[in-house]
PDB file of N, CA and C in Angstrom:
ATOM      1  N   MET A   1     -78.621 -59.489 -76.240  1.00  0.00           N
ATOM      2  CA  MET A   1     -77.547 -59.837 -75.358  1.00  0.00           C
ATOM      3  C   MET A   1     -78.061 -59.706 -73.930  1.00  0.00           C
ATOM      4  N   TRP A   2     -77.752 -60.713 -73.125  1.00  0.00           N
ATOM      5  CA  TRP A   2     -78.142 -60.717 -71.723  1.00  0.00           C
ATOM      6  C   TRP A   2     -76.888 -60.767 -70.865  1.00  0.00           C
ATOM      7  N   ASP A   3     -76.873 -60.025 -69.780  1.00  0.00           N
ATOM      8  CA  ASP A   3     -75.789 -60.054 -68.811  1.00  0.00           C
ATOM      9  C   ASP A   3     -76.326 -60.738 -67.567  1.00  0.00           C
ATOM     10  N   LEU A   4     -75.903 -61.981 -67.374  1.00  0.00           N
ATOM     11  CA  LEU A   4     -76.401 -62.763 -66.251  1.00  0.00           C
ATOM     12  C   LEU A   4     -75.304 -62.914 -65.211  1.00  0.00           C
ATOM     13  N   GLY A   5     -75.610 -62.600 -63.991  1.00  0.00           N
ATOM     14  CA  GLY A   5     -74.633 -62.718 -62.914  1.00  0.00           C
ATOM     15  C   GLY A   5     -74.285 -64.165 -62.626  1.00  0.00           C
ATOM     16  N   GLY A   6     -73.183 -64.362 -61.941  1.00  0.00           N
ATOM     17  CA  GLY A   6     -72.717 -65.711 -61.632  1.00  0.00           C
ATOM     18  C   GLY A   6     -73.002 -66.165 -60.215  1.00  0.00           C
ATOM     19  N   GLN A   7     -73.714 -65.349 -59.447  1.00  0.00           N
ATOM     20  CA  GLN A   7     -74.003 -65.724 -58.075  1.00  0.00           C
ATOM     21  C   GLN A   7     -74.832 -67.004 -58.028  1.00  0.00           C
ATOM     22  N   THR A   8     -74.627 -67.777 -56.989  1.00  0.00           N
ATOM     23  CA  THR A   8     -75.330 -69.050 -56.827  1.00  0.00           C
ATOM     24  C   THR A   8     -76.843 -68.876 -56.933  1.00  0.00           C
ATOM     25  N   SER A   9     -77.372 -67.812 -56.367  1.00  0.00           N
ATOM     26  CA  SER A   9     -78.826 -67.609 -56.369  1.00  0.00           C
ATOM     27  C   SER A   9     -79.380 -67.289 -57.755  1.00  0.00           C
ATOM     28  N   ILE A  10     -78.533 -66.822 -58.665  1.00  0.00           N
ATOM     29  CA  ILE A  10     -78.980 -66.440 -60.008  1.00  0.00           C
ATOM     30  C   ILE A  10     -78.837 -67.581 -61.014  1.00  0.00           C
ATOM     31  N   ARG A  11     -77.910 -68.488 -60.800  1.00  0.00           N
ATOM     32  CA  ARG A  11     -77.622 -69.547 -61.777  1.00  0.00           C
ATOM     33  C   ARG A  11     -78.838 -70.355 -62.216  1.00  0.00           C
ATOM     34  N   PRO A  12     -79.781 -70.690 -61.328  1.00  0.00           N
ATOM     35  CA  PRO A  12     -80.948 -71.454 -61.791  1.00  0.00           C
ATOM     36  C   PRO A  12     -81.763 -70.730 -62.863  1.00  0.00           C
ATOM     37  N   TYR A  13     -81.645 -69.417 -62.943  1.00  0.00           N
ATOM     38  CA  TYR A  13     -82.402 -68.641 -63.919  1.00  0.00           C
ATOM     39  C   TYR A  13     -81.698 -68.536 -65.268  1.00  0.00           C
ATOM     40  N   TRP A  14     -80.443 -68.949 -65.347  1.00  0.00           N
ATOM     41  CA  TRP A  14     -79.705 -68.869 -66.608  1.00  0.00           C
ATOM     42  C   TRP A  14     -80.478 -69.509 -67.747  1.00  0.00           C
ATOM     43  N   ARG A  15     -81.035 -70.701 -67.486  1.00  0.00           N
ATOM     44  CA  ARG A  15     -81.679 -71.459 -68.571  1.00  0.00           C
ATOM     45  C   ARG A  15     -82.881 -70.736 -69.168  1.00  0.00           C
ATOM     46  N   CYS A  16     -83.422 -69.763 -68.476  1.00  0.00           N
ATOM     47  CA  CYS A  16     -84.535 -68.976 -69.019  1.00  0.00           C
ATOM     48  C   CYS A  16     -84.109 -68.165 -70.242  1.00  0.00           C
ATOM     49  N   TYR A  17     -82.809 -68.013 -70.440  1.00  0.00           N
ATOM     50  CA  TYR A  17     -82.283 -67.171 -71.515  1.00  0.00           C
ATOM     51  C   TYR A  17     -81.584 -67.962 -72.618  1.00  0.00           C
ATOM     52  N   TYR A  18     -81.640 -69.276 -72.585  1.00  0.00           N
ATOM     53  CA  TYR A  18     -80.883 -70.110 -73.525  1.00  0.00           C
ATOM     54  C   TYR A  18     -81.470 -70.169 -74.934  1.00  0.00           C
ATOM     55  N   ALA A  19     -82.773 -70.050 -75.078  1.00  0.00           N
ATOM     56  CA  ALA A  19     -83.405 -70.214 -76.391  1.00  0.00           C
ATOM     57  C   ALA A  19     -82.820 -69.233 -77.407  1.00  0.00           C
ATOM     58  N   ASN A  20     -82.552 -69.741 -78.604  1.00  0.00           N
ATOM     59  CA  ASN A  20     -82.044 -68.929 -79.721  1.00  0.00           C
ATOM     60  C   ASN A  20     -80.727 -68.216 -79.415  1.00  0.00           C
ATOM     61  N   THR A  21     -79.877 -68.862 -78.639  1.00  0.00           N
ATOM     62  CA  THR A  21     -78.589 -68.275 -78.273  1.00  0.00           C
ATOM     63  C   THR A  21     -77.520 -68.704 -79.268  1.00  0.00           C
ATOM     64  N   ALA A  22     -76.934 -67.741 -79.960  1.00  0.00           N
ATOM     65  CA  ALA A  22     -75.876 -68.030 -80.936  1.00  0.00           C
ATOM     66  C   ALA A  22     -74.521 -68.159 -80.265  1.00  0.00           C
ATOM     67  N   ALA A  23     -74.356 -67.491 -79.123  1.00  0.00           N
ATOM     68  CA  ALA A  23     -73.051 -67.503 -78.466  1.00  0.00           C
ATOM     69  C   ALA A  23     -73.194 -67.246 -76.972  1.00  0.00           C
ATOM     70  N   VAL A  24     -72.222 -67.753 -76.240  1.00  0.00           N
ATOM     71  CA  VAL A  24     -72.121 -67.518 -74.809  1.00  0.00           C
ATOM     72  C   VAL A  24     -70.802 -66.802 -74.560  1.00  0.00           C
ATOM     73  N   ILE A  25     -70.860 -65.723 -73.815  1.00  0.00           N
ATOM     74  CA  ILE A  25     -69.646 -65.047 -73.353  1.00  0.00           C
ATOM     75  C   ILE A  25     -69.551 -65.321 -71.860  1.00  0.00           C
ATOM     76  N   PHE A  26     -68.487 -65.995 -71.462  1.00  0.00           N
ATOM     77  CA  PHE A  26     -68.286 -66.415 -70.079  1.00  0.00           C
ATOM     78  C   PHE A  26     -67.085 -65.643 -69.543  1.00  0.00           C
ATOM     79  N   VAL A  27     -67.302 -64.822 -68.533  1.00  0.00           N
ATOM     80  CA  VAL A  27     -66.238 -63.979 -67.985  1.00  0.00           C
ATOM     81  C   VAL A  27     -65.745 -64.589 -66.679  1.00  0.00           C
ATOM     82  N   VAL A  28     -64.428 -64.783 -66.612  1.00  0.00           N
ATOM     83  CA  VAL A  28     -63.809 -65.395 -65.440  1.00  0.00           C
ATOM     84  C   VAL A  28     -62.873 -64.392 -64.783  1.00  0.00           C
ATOM     85  N   ASP A  29     -62.941 -64.313 -63.473  1.00  0.00           N
ATOM     86  CA  ASP A  29     -62.003 -63.505 -62.697  1.00  0.00           C
ATOM     87  C   ASP A  29     -60.701 -64.291 -62.595  1.00  0.00           C
ATOM     88  N   SER A  30     -59.699 -63.877 -63.338  1.00  0.00           N
ATOM     89  CA  SER A  30     -58.428 -64.607 -63.405  1.00  0.00           C
ATOM     90  C   SER A  30     -57.627 -64.549 -62.111  1.00  0.00           C
ATOM     91  N   THR A  31     -58.048 -63.718 -61.177  1.00  0.00           N
ATOM     92  CA  THR A  31     -57.347 -63.642 -59.894  1.00  0.00           C
ATOM     93  C   THR A  31     -57.980 -64.545 -58.841  1.00  0.00           C
ATOM     94  N   ASP A  32     -59.166 -65.060 -59.110  1.00  0.00           N
ATOM     95  CA  ASP A  32     -59.912 -65.842 -58.116  1.00  0.00           C
ATOM     96  C   ASP A  32     -59.724 -67.337 -58.356  1.00  0.00           C
ATOM     97  N   ARG A  33     -58.581 -67.837 -57.944  1.00  0.00           N
ATOM     98  CA  ARG A  33     -58.235 -69.245 -58.151  1.00  0.00           C
ATOM     99  C   ARG A  33     -59.203 -70.187 -57.428  1.00  0.00           C
ATOM    100  N   ASP A  34     -59.729 -69.746 -56.289  1.00  0.00           N
ATOM    101  CA  ASP A  34     -60.599 -70.598 -55.478  1.00  0.00           C
ATOM    102  C   ASP A  34     -61.922 -70.928 -56.166  1.00  0.00           C
ATOM    103  N   ARG A  35     -62.373 -70.083 -57.071  1.00  0.00           N
ATOM    104  CA  ARG A  35     -63.676 -70.307 -57.705  1.00  0.00           C
ATOM    105  C   ARG A  35     -63.582 -70.908 -59.101  1.00  0.00           C
ATOM    106  N   LEU A  36     -62.376 -71.182 -59.573  1.00  0.00           N
ATOM    107  CA  LEU A  36     -62.236 -71.719 -60.931  1.00  0.00           C
ATOM    108  C   LEU A  36     -62.863 -73.097 -61.088  1.00  0.00           C
ATOM    109  N   GLU A  37     -62.765 -73.939 -60.086  1.00  0.00           N
ATOM    110  CA  GLU A  37     -63.376 -75.269 -60.190  1.00  0.00           C
ATOM    111  C   GLU A  37     -64.900 -75.150 -60.280  1.00  0.00           C
ATOM    112  N   THR A  38     -65.474 -74.253 -59.502  1.00  0.00           N
ATOM    113  CA  THR A  38     -66.917 -74.011 -59.587  1.00  0.00           C
ATOM    114  C   THR A  38     -67.275 -73.469 -60.963  1.00  0.00           C
ATOM    115  N   ALA A  39     -66.469 -72.541 -61.467  1.00  0.00           N
ATOM    116  CA  ALA A  39     -66.709 -71.985 -62.803  1.00  0.00           C
ATOM    117  C   ALA A  39     -66.652 -73.086 -63.852  1.00  0.00           C
ATOM    118  N   ARG A  40     -65.689 -73.987 -63.720  1.00  0.00           N
ATOM    119  CA  ARG A  40     -65.562 -75.106 -64.667  1.00  0.00           C
ATOM    120  C   ARG A  40     -66.821 -75.965 -64.656  1.00  0.00           C
ATOM    121  N   LYS A  41     -67.259 -76.353 -63.478  1.00  0.00           N
ATOM    122  CA  LYS A  41     -68.446 -77.208 -63.360  1.00  0.00           C
ATOM    123  C   LYS A  41     -69.680 -76.523 -63.941  1.00  0.00           C
ATOM    124  N   GLU A  42     -69.888 -75.271 -63.589  1.00  0.00           N
ATOM    125  CA  GLU A  42     -71.060 -74.538 -64.072  1.00  0.00           C
ATOM    126  C   GLU A  42     -71.009 -74.357 -65.586  1.00  0.00           C
ATOM    127  N   LEU A  43     -69.835 -74.036 -66.120  1.00  0.00           N
ATOM    128  CA  LEU A  43     -69.693 -73.850 -67.563  1.00  0.00           C
ATOM    129  C   LEU A  43     -70.017 -75.133 -68.314  1.00  0.00           C
ATOM    130  N   HIS A  44     -69.426 -76.239 -67.905  1.00  0.00           N
ATOM    131  CA  HIS A  44     -69.651 -77.502 -68.614  1.00  0.00           C
ATOM    132  C   HIS A  44     -71.095 -77.975 -68.477  1.00  0.00           C
ATOM    133  N   MET A  45     -71.696 -77.753 -67.309  1.00  0.00           N
ATOM    134  CA  MET A  45     -73.098 -78.129 -67.125  1.00  0.00           C
ATOM    135  C   MET A  45     -73.990 -77.280 -68.036  1.00  0.00           C
ATOM    136  N   MET A  46     -73.706 -75.994 -68.111  1.00  0.00           N
ATOM    137  CA  MET A  46     -74.488 -75.092 -68.956  1.00  0.00           C
ATOM    138  C   MET A  46     -74.368 -75.482 -70.425  1.00  0.00           C
ATOM    139  N   LEU A  47     -73.156 -75.785 -70.872  1.00  0.00           N
ATOM    140  CA  LEU A  47     -72.936 -76.085 -72.285  1.00  0.00           C
ATOM    141  C   LEU A  47     -73.561 -77.408 -72.723  1.00  0.00           C
ATOM    142  N   LYS A  48     -73.962 -78.242 -71.774  1.00  0.00           N
ATOM    143  CA  LYS A  48     -74.641 -79.503 -72.100  1.00  0.00           C
ATOM    144  C   LYS A  48     -76.128 -79.304 -72.375  1.00  0.00           C
ATOM    145  N   GLU A  49     -76.643 -78.130 -72.082  1.00  0.00           N
ATOM    146  CA  GLU A  49     -78.062 -77.846 -72.320  1.00  0.00           C
ATOM    147  C   GLU A  49     -78.354 -77.907 -73.819  1.00  0.00           C
ATOM    148  N   ASP A  50     -79.477 -78.518 -74.180  1.00  0.00           N
ATOM    149  CA  ASP A  50     -79.850 -78.694 -75.587  1.00  0.00           C
ATOM    150  C   ASP A  50     -79.854 -77.381 -76.368  1.00  0.00           C
ATOM    151  N   GLU A  51     -80.356 -76.317 -75.757  1.00  0.00           N
ATOM    152  CA  GLU A  51     -80.466 -75.037 -76.457  1.00  0.00           C
ATOM    153  C   GLU A  51     -79.106 -74.403 -76.759  1.00  0.00           C
ATOM    154  N   LEU A  52     -78.064 -74.862 -76.083  1.00  0.00           N
ATOM    155  CA  LEU A  52     -76.736 -74.258 -76.254  1.00  0.00           C
ATOM    156  C   LEU A  52     -75.755 -75.151 -76.993  1.00  0.00           C
ATOM    157  N   VAL A  53     -76.210 -76.305 -77.457  1.00  0.00           N
ATOM    158  CA  VAL A  53     -75.298 -77.280 -78.055  1.00  0.00           C
ATOM    159  C   VAL A  53     -74.561 -76.729 -79.276  1.00  0.00           C
ATOM    160  N   ASP A  54     -75.175 -75.817 -80.003  1.00  0.00           N
ATOM    161  CA  ASP A  54     -74.541 -75.252 -81.199  1.00  0.00           C
ATOM    162  C   ASP A  54     -73.985 -73.841 -80.977  1.00  0.00           C
ATOM    163  N   SER A  55     -74.022 -73.365 -79.762  1.00  0.00           N
ATOM    164  CA  SER A  55     -73.572 -72.004 -79.471  1.00  0.00           C
ATOM    165  C   SER A  55     -72.052 -71.922 -79.382  1.00  0.00           C
ATOM    166  N   ALA A  56     -71.501 -70.869 -79.959  1.00  0.00           N
ATOM    167  CA  ALA A  56     -70.067 -70.599 -79.818  1.00  0.00           C
ATOM    168  C   ALA A  56     -69.801 -70.136 -78.383  1.00  0.00           C
ATOM    169  N   LEU A  57     -68.556 -70.288 -77.954  1.00  0.00           N
ATOM    170  CA  LEU A  57     -68.175 -69.889 -76.599  1.00  0.00           C
ATOM    171  C   LEU A  57     -66.972 -68.961 -76.647  1.00  0.00           C
ATOM    172  N   LEU A  58     -67.123 -67.799 -76.048  1.00  0.00           N
ATOM    173  CA  LEU A  58     -66.015 -66.869 -75.853  1.00  0.00           C
ATOM    174  C   LEU A  58     -65.803 -66.725 -74.355  1.00  0.00           C
ATOM    175  N   VAL A  59     -64.595 -67.011 -73.905  1.00  0.00           N
ATOM    176  CA  VAL A  59     -64.246 -66.844 -72.497  1.00  0.00           C
ATOM    177  C   VAL A  59     -63.304 -65.652 -72.381  1.00  0.00           C
ATOM    178  N   PHE A  60     -63.656 -64.728 -71.514  1.00  0.00           N
ATOM    179  CA  PHE A  60     -62.749 -63.642 -71.181  1.00  0.00           C
ATOM    180  C   PHE A  60     -62.057 -63.998 -69.869  1.00  0.00           C
ATOM    181  N   ALA A  61     -60.735 -64.154 -69.918  1.00  0.00           N
ATOM    182  CA  ALA A  61     -59.927 -64.331 -68.714  1.00  0.00           C
ATOM    183  C   ALA A  61     -59.658 -62.918 -68.205  1.00  0.00           C
ATOM    184  N   ASN A  62     -60.560 -62.415 -67.398  1.00  0.00           N
ATOM    185  CA  ASN A  62     -60.580 -61.007 -67.023  1.00  0.00           C
ATOM    186  C   ASN A  62     -59.650 -60.697 -65.849  1.00  0.00           C
ATOM    187  N   LYS A  63     -59.458 -59.419 -65.629  1.00  0.00           N
ATOM    188  CA  LYS A  63     -58.619 -58.852 -64.565  1.00  0.00           C
ATOM    189  C   LYS A  63     -57.138 -59.126 -64.782  1.00  0.00           C
ATOM    190  N   GLN A  64     -56.726 -59.146 -66.048  1.00  0.00           N
ATOM    191  CA  GLN A  64     -55.317 -59.359 -66.366  1.00  0.00           C
ATOM    192  C   GLN A  64     -54.441 -58.208 -65.882  1.00  0.00           C
ATOM    193  N   ASP A  65     -55.052 -57.082 -65.543  1.00  0.00           N
ATOM    194  CA  ASP A  65     -54.309 -55.938 -65.019  1.00  0.00           C
ATOM    195  C   ASP A  65     -53.951 -56.100 -63.542  1.00  0.00           C
ATOM    196  N   GLN A  66     -54.474 -57.148 -62.908  1.00  0.00           N
ATOM    197  CA  GLN A  66     -54.245 -57.359 -61.480  1.00  0.00           C
ATOM    198  C   GLN A  66     -53.034 -58.259 -61.232  1.00  0.00           C
ATOM    199  N   PRO A  67     -52.275 -57.978 -60.168  1.00  0.00           N
ATOM    200  CA  PRO A  67     -51.137 -58.843 -59.827  1.00  0.00           C
ATOM    201  C   PRO A  67     -51.617 -60.258 -59.506  1.00  0.00           C
ATOM    202  N   GLY A  68     -50.875 -61.242 -59.969  1.00  0.00           N
ATOM    203  CA  GLY A  68     -51.197 -62.634 -59.674  1.00  0.00           C
ATOM    204  C   GLY A  68     -52.277 -63.241 -60.541  1.00  0.00           C
ATOM    205  N   ALA A  69     -52.736 -62.514 -61.542  1.00  0.00           N
ATOM    206  CA  ALA A  69     -53.774 -63.054 -62.429  1.00  0.00           C
ATOM    207  C   ALA A  69     -53.221 -64.238 -63.208  1.00  0.00           C
ATOM    208  N   LEU A  70     -54.022 -65.284 -63.325  1.00  0.00           N
ATOM    209  CA  LEU A  70     -53.649 -66.420 -64.164  1.00  0.00           C
ATOM    210  C   LEU A  70     -53.667 -65.985 -65.623  1.00  0.00           C
ATOM    211  N   THR A  71     -52.819 -66.576 -66.430  1.00  0.00           N
ATOM    212  CA  THR A  71     -52.828 -66.285 -67.867  1.00  0.00           C
ATOM    213  C   THR A  71     -54.064 -66.914 -68.502  1.00  0.00           C
ATOM    214  N   ALA A  72     -54.356 -66.507 -69.720  1.00  0.00           N
ATOM    215  CA  ALA A  72     -55.479 -67.106 -70.443  1.00  0.00           C
ATOM    216  C   ALA A  72     -55.260 -68.606 -70.612  1.00  0.00           C
ATOM    217  N   ALA A  73     -54.026 -69.024 -70.859  1.00  0.00           N
ATOM    218  CA  ALA A  73     -53.731 -70.456 -71.009  1.00  0.00           C
ATOM    219  C   ALA A  73     -53.995 -71.207 -69.708  1.00  0.00           C
ATOM    220  N   GLU A  74     -53.646 -70.607 -68.582  1.00  0.00           N
ATOM    221  CA  GLU A  74     -53.888 -71.247 -67.285  1.00  0.00           C
ATOM    222  C   GLU A  74     -55.382 -71.334 -66.986  1.00  0.00           C
ATOM    223  N   VAL A  75     -56.120 -70.289 -67.313  1.00  0.00           N
ATOM    224  CA  VAL A  75     -57.572 -70.307 -67.113  1.00  0.00           C
ATOM    225  C   VAL A  75     -58.204 -71.350 -68.027  1.00  0.00           C
ATOM    226  N   SER A  76     -57.738 -71.418 -69.268  1.00  0.00           N
ATOM    227  CA  SER A  76     -58.244 -72.410 -70.218  1.00  0.00           C
ATOM    228  C   SER A  76     -58.067 -73.820 -69.676  1.00  0.00           C
ATOM    229  N   LYS A  77     -56.898 -74.091 -69.143  1.00  0.00           N
ATOM    230  CA  LYS A  77     -56.625 -75.417 -68.576  1.00  0.00           C
ATOM    231  C   LYS A  77     -57.531 -75.681 -67.376  1.00  0.00           C
ATOM    232  N   ALA A  78     -57.668 -74.702 -66.493  1.00  0.00           N
ATOM    233  CA  ALA A  78     -58.503 -74.867 -65.302  1.00  0.00           C
ATOM    234  C   ALA A  78     -59.970 -75.096 -65.660  1.00  0.00           C
ATOM    235  N   LEU A  79     -60.424 -74.485 -66.747  1.00  0.00           N
ATOM    236  CA  LEU A  79     -61.817 -74.642 -67.176  1.00  0.00           C
ATOM    237  C   LEU A  79     -62.031 -75.871 -68.055  1.00  0.00           C
ATOM    238  N   GLY A  80     -60.950 -76.530 -68.447  1.00  0.00           N
ATOM    239  CA  GLY A  80     -61.083 -77.715 -69.295  1.00  0.00           C
ATOM    240  C   GLY A  80     -61.602 -77.399 -70.683  1.00  0.00           C
ATOM    241  N   LEU A  81     -61.178 -76.279 -71.248  1.00  0.00           N
ATOM    242  CA  LEU A  81     -61.699 -75.874 -72.556  1.00  0.00           C
ATOM    243  C   LEU A  81     -61.280 -76.825 -73.674  1.00  0.00           C
ATOM    244  N   VAL A  82     -60.131 -77.483 -73.544  1.00  0.00           N
ATOM    245  CA  VAL A  82     -59.698 -78.411 -74.597  1.00  0.00           C
ATOM    246  C   VAL A  82     -60.649 -79.595 -74.719  1.00  0.00           C
ATOM    247  N   GLU A  83     -61.461 -79.827 -73.711  1.00  0.00           N
ATOM    248  CA  GLU A  83     -62.441 -80.914 -73.753  1.00  0.00           C
ATOM    249  C   GLU A  83     -63.625 -80.581 -74.665  1.00  0.00           C
ATOM    250  N   LEU A  84     -63.756 -79.342 -75.060  1.00  0.00           N
ATOM    251  CA  LEU A  84     -64.884 -78.908 -75.891  1.00  0.00           C
ATOM    252  C   LEU A  84     -64.555 -79.179 -77.351  1.00  0.00           C
ATOM    253  N   LYS A  85     -64.884 -80.354 -77.804  1.00  0.00           N
ATOM    254  CA  LYS A  85     -64.487 -80.815 -79.141  1.00  0.00           C
ATOM    255  C   LYS A  85     -65.408 -80.341 -80.261  1.00  0.00           C
ATOM    256  N   ASP A  86     -66.700 -80.303 -80.037  1.00  0.00           N
ATOM    257  CA  ASP A  86     -67.660 -80.012 -81.106  1.00  0.00           C
ATOM    258  C   ASP A  86     -68.261 -78.615 -80.977  1.00  0.00           C
ATOM    259  N   ARG A  87     -67.417 -77.651 -80.681  1.00  0.00           N
ATOM    260  CA  ARG A  87     -67.909 -76.302 -80.447  1.00  0.00           C
ATOM    261  C   ARG A  87     -66.807 -75.315 -80.814  1.00  0.00           C
ATOM    262  N   SER A  88     -67.198 -74.206 -81.427  1.00  0.00           N
ATOM    263  CA  SER A  88     -66.247 -73.113 -81.651  1.00  0.00           C
ATOM    264  C   SER A  88     -66.053 -72.395 -80.326  1.00  0.00           C
ATOM    265  N   TRP A  89     -64.800 -72.247 -79.908  1.00  0.00           N
ATOM    266  CA  TRP A  89     -64.538 -71.531 -78.668  1.00  0.00           C
ATOM    267  C   TRP A  89     -63.208 -70.797 -78.750  1.00  0.00           C
ATOM    268  N   SER A  90     -63.107 -69.771 -77.931  1.00  0.00           N
ATOM    269  CA  SER A  90     -61.870 -69.003 -77.829  1.00  0.00           C
ATOM    270  C   SER A  90     -61.781 -68.436 -76.424  1.00  0.00           C
ATOM    271  N   ILE A  91     -60.554 -68.249 -75.965  1.00  0.00           N
ATOM    272  CA  ILE A  91     -60.327 -67.572 -74.688  1.00  0.00           C
ATOM    273  C   ILE A  91     -59.412 -66.391 -74.961  1.00  0.00           C
ATOM    274  N   VAL A  92     -59.743 -65.268 -74.349  1.00  0.00           N
ATOM    275  CA  VAL A  92     -58.994 -64.034 -74.573  1.00  0.00           C
ATOM    276  C   VAL A  92     -58.641 -63.419 -73.220  1.00  0.00           C
ATOM    277  N   ALA A  93     -57.377 -63.078 -73.047  1.00  0.00           N
ATOM    278  CA  ALA A  93     -56.948 -62.341 -71.861  1.00  0.00           C
ATOM    279  C   ALA A  93     -57.551 -60.945 -71.937  1.00  0.00           C
ATOM    280  N   SER A  94     -58.128 -60.486 -70.832  1.00  0.00           N
ATOM    281  CA  SER A  94     -58.799 -59.190 -70.883  1.00  0.00           C
ATOM    282  C   SER A  94     -58.664 -58.425 -69.577  1.00  0.00           C
ATOM    283  N   SER A  95     -58.899 -57.146 -69.698  1.00  0.00           N
ATOM    284  CA  SER A  95     -59.035 -56.256 -68.549  1.00  0.00           C
ATOM    285  C   SER A  95     -60.195 -55.327 -68.878  1.00  0.00           C
ATOM    286  N   ALA A  96     -61.325 -55.562 -68.260  1.00  0.00           N
ATOM    287  CA  ALA A  96     -62.496 -54.727 -68.532  1.00  0.00           C
ATOM    288  C   ALA A  96     -62.234 -53.279 -68.123  1.00  0.00           C
ATOM    289  N   ILE A  97     -61.488 -53.091 -67.053  1.00  0.00           N
ATOM    290  CA  ILE A  97     -61.171 -51.742 -66.571  1.00  0.00           C
ATOM    291  C   ILE A  97     -60.370 -50.961 -67.609  1.00  0.00           C
ATOM    292  N   LYS A  98     -59.405 -51.627 -68.228  1.00  0.00           N
ATOM    293  CA  LYS A  98     -58.547 -50.964 -69.219  1.00  0.00           C
ATOM    294  C   LYS A  98     -59.069 -51.109 -70.645  1.00  0.00           C
ATOM    295  N   GLY A  99     -60.085 -51.943 -70.835  1.00  0.00           N
ATOM    296  CA  GLY A  99     -60.634 -52.161 -72.171  1.00  0.00           C
ATOM    297  C   GLY A  99     -59.778 -53.072 -73.034  1.00  0.00           C
ATOM    298  N   GLU A 100     -58.862 -53.795 -72.425  1.00  0.00           N
ATOM    299  CA  GLU A 100     -57.943 -54.653 -73.181  1.00  0.00           C
ATOM    300  C   GLU A 100     -58.568 -56.020 -73.460  1.00  0.00           C
ATOM    301  N   GLY A 101     -58.410 -56.484 -74.689  1.00  0.00           N
ATOM    302  CA  GLY A 101     -58.873 -57.805 -75.081  1.00  0.00           C
ATOM    303  C   GLY A 101     -60.326 -57.859 -75.516  1.00  0.00           C
ATOM    304  N   LEU A 102     -61.091 -56.846 -75.193  1.00  0.00           N
ATOM    305  CA  LEU A 102     -62.525 -56.880 -75.482  1.00  0.00           C
ATOM    306  C   LEU A 102     -62.801 -56.866 -76.979  1.00  0.00           C
ATOM    307  N   THR A 103     -62.163 -55.971 -77.697  1.00  0.00           N
ATOM    308  CA  THR A 103     -62.368 -55.887 -79.142  1.00  0.00           C
ATOM    309  C   THR A 103     -61.912 -57.168 -79.821  1.00  0.00           C
ATOM    310  N   GLU A 104     -60.764 -57.679 -79.423  1.00  0.00           N
ATOM    311  CA  GLU A 104     -60.251 -58.930 -79.997  1.00  0.00           C
ATOM    312  C   GLU A 104     -61.257 -60.068 -79.821  1.00  0.00           C
ATOM    313  N   GLY A 105     -61.774 -60.212 -78.614  1.00  0.00           N
ATOM    314  CA  GLY A 105     -62.724 -61.279 -78.343  1.00  0.00           C
ATOM    315  C   GLY A 105     -64.021 -61.119 -79.108  1.00  0.00           C
ATOM    316  N   LEU A 106     -64.568 -59.926 -79.100  1.00  0.00           N
ATOM    317  CA  LEU A 106     -65.837 -59.691 -79.788  1.00  0.00           C
ATOM    318  C   LEU A 106     -65.690 -59.795 -81.298  1.00  0.00           C
ATOM    319  N   ASP A 107     -64.553 -59.365 -81.842  1.00  0.00           N
ATOM    320  CA  ASP A 107     -64.308 -59.536 -83.281  1.00  0.00           C
ATOM    321  C   ASP A 107     -64.299 -61.015 -83.651  1.00  0.00           C
ATOM    322  N   TRP A 108     -63.643 -61.848 -82.834  1.00  0.00           N
ATOM    323  CA  TRP A 108     -63.627 -63.296 -83.073  1.00  0.00           C
ATOM    324  C   TRP A 108     -65.054 -63.834 -83.062  1.00  0.00           C
ATOM    325  N   LEU A 109     -65.822 -63.416 -82.077  1.00  0.00           N
ATOM    326  CA  LEU A 109     -67.182 -63.918 -81.927  1.00  0.00           C
ATOM    327  C   LEU A 109     -68.058 -63.526 -83.110  1.00  0.00           C
ATOM    328  N   ILE A 110     -67.953 -62.306 -83.559  1.00  0.00           N
ATOM    329  CA  ILE A 110     -68.721 -61.851 -84.722  1.00  0.00           C
ATOM    330  C   ILE A 110     -68.367 -62.683 -85.948  1.00  0.00           C
ATOM    331  N   ASP A 111     -67.080 -62.915 -86.168  1.00  0.00           N
ATOM    332  CA  ASP A 111     -66.643 -63.725 -87.312  1.00  0.00           C
ATOM    333  C   ASP A 111     -67.214 -65.137 -87.247  1.00  0.00           C
ATOM    334  N   VAL A 112     -67.194 -65.743 -86.067  1.00  0.00           N
ATOM    335  CA  VAL A 112     -67.700 -67.111 -85.907  1.00  0.00           C
ATOM    336  C   VAL A 112     -69.202 -67.164 -86.157  1.00  0.00           C
ATOM    337  N   ILE A 113     -69.935 -66.219 -85.618  1.00  0.00           N
ATOM    338  CA  ILE A 113     -71.389 -66.202 -85.807  1.00  0.00           C
ATOM    339  C   ILE A 113     -71.734 -65.995 -87.279  1.00  0.00           C
ATOM    340  N   LYS A 114     -71.046 -65.077 -87.943  1.00  0.00           N
ATOM    341  CA  LYS A 114     -71.279 -64.858 -89.377  1.00  0.00           C
ATOM    342  C   LYS A 114     -71.000 -66.128 -90.168  1.00  0.00           C
ATOM    343  N   GLU A 115     -69.898 -66.792 -89.859  1.00  0.00           N
ATOM    344  CA  GLU A 115     -69.506 -68.013 -90.568  1.00  0.00           C
ATOM    345  C   GLU A 115     -70.544 -69.115 -90.383  1.00  0.00           C
ATOM    346  N   GLU A 116     -71.064 -69.250 -89.173  1.00  0.00           N
ATOM    347  CA  GLU A 116     -72.041 -70.299 -88.890  1.00  0.00           C
ATOM    348  C   GLU A 116     -73.392 -70.013 -89.529  1.00  0.00           C
ATOM    349  N   GLN A 117     -73.680 -68.764 -89.830  1.00  0.00           N
ATOM    350  CA  GLN A 117     -74.952 -68.402 -90.451  1.00  0.00           C
ATOM    351  C   GLN A 117     -74.930 -68.572 -91.959  1.00  0.00           C
ATOM    352  N   MET A 118     -73.767 -68.786 -92.536  1.00  0.00           N
ATOM    353  CA  MET A 118     -73.658 -68.940 -93.995  1.00  0.00           C
ATOM    354  C   MET A 118     -74.117 -70.309 -94.426  1.00  0.00           C
TER     355      MET A 118
END
């Protein structure tokens, strides 16, 4: 498992970690409406990479404990997740600070990876 930052200066290095990737976990700050379009573009561009074409996608709509946070459904719409037709994906409302949603999301991901390996 690799934890790659989302800063502009780090994004070009993401592809160095794509080989043999079974899943991508994409964490979105649900309170940062201004960066959702950038997140959408980067996510869709990343998922078009050959090495990731078969990878499952788990999106954490994080910071749900914060006032004004978008719901998971709103984040899903902003990221255009319904456009992902040939990929297993899920979005989970989460709060990393409170530990909410993390187990649910990771349990889903484990099940999907196990199923795809059969």
